[in-house]
Amino acid sequence: VVAGLVSGASAYFVTTPFHLMKTKLQGEAGLEGARTTNVWQGMLRLVAQTGQWSSLYKGSMPLSLRGSFFTAGQMVGTF
């Protein structure tokens, strides 16, 4: 259980920027004049707008908690 909690939280924290950009791309899908065409462009645009790299990690705490419980559940249920 502990291994699942730690590995899940770590993995989800590291991938938070990708989850953020995925959500932004999904929100812009189908809109005319969508501004973001790919994940990397979206990340660079967000950092340029805010001036902070930490803006890529908004929502990292709830996402990491979700990932830790999800992965711990998988570890217990599978192994």
Protein backbone atom coordinates (compact mmCIF):
# COMPACT_ATOMS: atom_id res chain seq x y z
CA VAL A 1 0.00 0.00 0.00
CA VAL A 2 2.78 2.43 0.92
CA ALA A 3 4.65 1.68 -2.32
CA GLY A 4 1.48 2.42 -4.27
CA LEU A 5 0.85 5.66 -2.40
CA VAL A 6 4.40 6.94 -2.91
CA SER A 7 4.80 5.86 -6.54
CA GLY A 8 1.35 7.11 -7.52
CA ALA A 9 1.82 10.51 -5.90
CA SER A 10 5.27 10.89 -7.47
CA ALA A 11 4.16 9.90 -10.96
CA TYR A 12 1.08 12.09 -10.96
CA PHE A 13 3.03 15.07 -9.62
CA VAL A 14 5.63 14.76 -12.37
CA THR A 15 2.95 14.47 -15.07
CA THR A 16 0.75 17.33 -13.75
CA PRO A 17 1.71 19.70 -16.63
CA PHE A 18 0.58 17.09 -19.16
CA HIS A 19 -2.75 16.59 -17.40
CA LEU A 20 -3.23 20.37 -17.32
CA MET A 21 -2.50 20.76 -21.03
CA LYS A 22 -4.70 17.78 -21.92
CA THR A 23 -7.61 19.44 -20.14
CA LYS A 24 -6.94 22.77 -21.85
CA LEU A 25 -6.77 21.11 -25.28
CA GLN A 26 -10.02 19.27 -24.63
CA GLY A 27 -11.67 22.51 -23.55
CA GLU A 28 -10.58 24.25 -26.75
CA ALA A 29 -11.55 21.35 -29.02
CA GLY A 30 -14.05 22.40 -31.64
CA LEU A 31 -13.75 26.10 -30.89
CA GLU A 32 -13.06 28.41 -33.76
CA GLY A 33 -9.63 29.97 -33.48
CA ALA A 34 -8.35 27.48 -30.94
CA ARG A 35 -5.08 28.89 -29.69
CA THR A 36 -3.25 25.75 -28.65
CA THR A 37 -2.35 23.08 -31.18
CA ASN A 38 -0.13 20.79 -29.12
CA VAL A 39 0.99 20.14 -25.56
CA TRP A 40 4.44 21.72 -25.81
CA GLN A 41 3.13 24.90 -27.41
CA GLY A 42 0.49 25.13 -24.70
CA MET A 43 3.04 24.74 -21.92
CA LEU A 44 5.30 27.42 -23.36
CA ARG A 45 2.35 29.77 -23.91
CA LEU A 46 1.15 29.31 -20.31
CA VAL A 47 4.61 30.00 -18.91
CA ALA A 48 4.96 33.06 -21.16
CA GLN A 49 1.58 34.42 -20.02
CA THR A 50 2.18 33.95 -16.31
CA GLY A 51 5.95 34.34 -16.23
CA GLN A 52 6.25 31.39 -13.85
CA TRP A 53 7.08 27.74 -14.41
CA SER A 54 5.09 26.94 -11.28
CA SER A 55 1.90 27.72 -13.21
CA LEU A 56 2.30 24.31 -14.88
CA TYR A 57 1.75 22.69 -11.49
CA LYS A 58 -1.61 24.24 -10.60
CA GLY A 59 -3.77 21.53 -9.14
CA SER A 60 -0.84 19.22 -8.47
CA MET A 61 -1.88 18.42 -4.88
CA PRO A 62 -5.37 17.03 -5.64
CA LEU A 63 -4.06 15.24 -8.71
CA SER A 64 -1.22 13.67 -6.71
CA LEU A 65 -3.62 12.55 -3.99
CA ARG A 66 -5.89 11.01 -6.60
CA GLY A 67 -2.95 9.26 -8.21
CA SER A 68 -1.62 7.94 -4.93
CA PHE A 69 -4.95 6.38 -3.92
CA PHE A 70 -5.58 5.08 -7.43
CA THR A 71 -2.17 3.42 -7.66
CA ALA A 72 -2.37 2.04 -4.10
CA GLY A 73 -5.71 0.48 -5.00
CA GLN A 74 -4.23 -1.06 -8.12
CA MET A 75 -1.30 -2.46 -6.17
CA VAL A 76 -3.54 -4.01 -3.52
CA GLY A 77 -6.06 -5.32 -6.04
CA THR A 78 -3.55 -6.73 -8.48
CA PHE A 79 -0.71 -7.99 -6.34
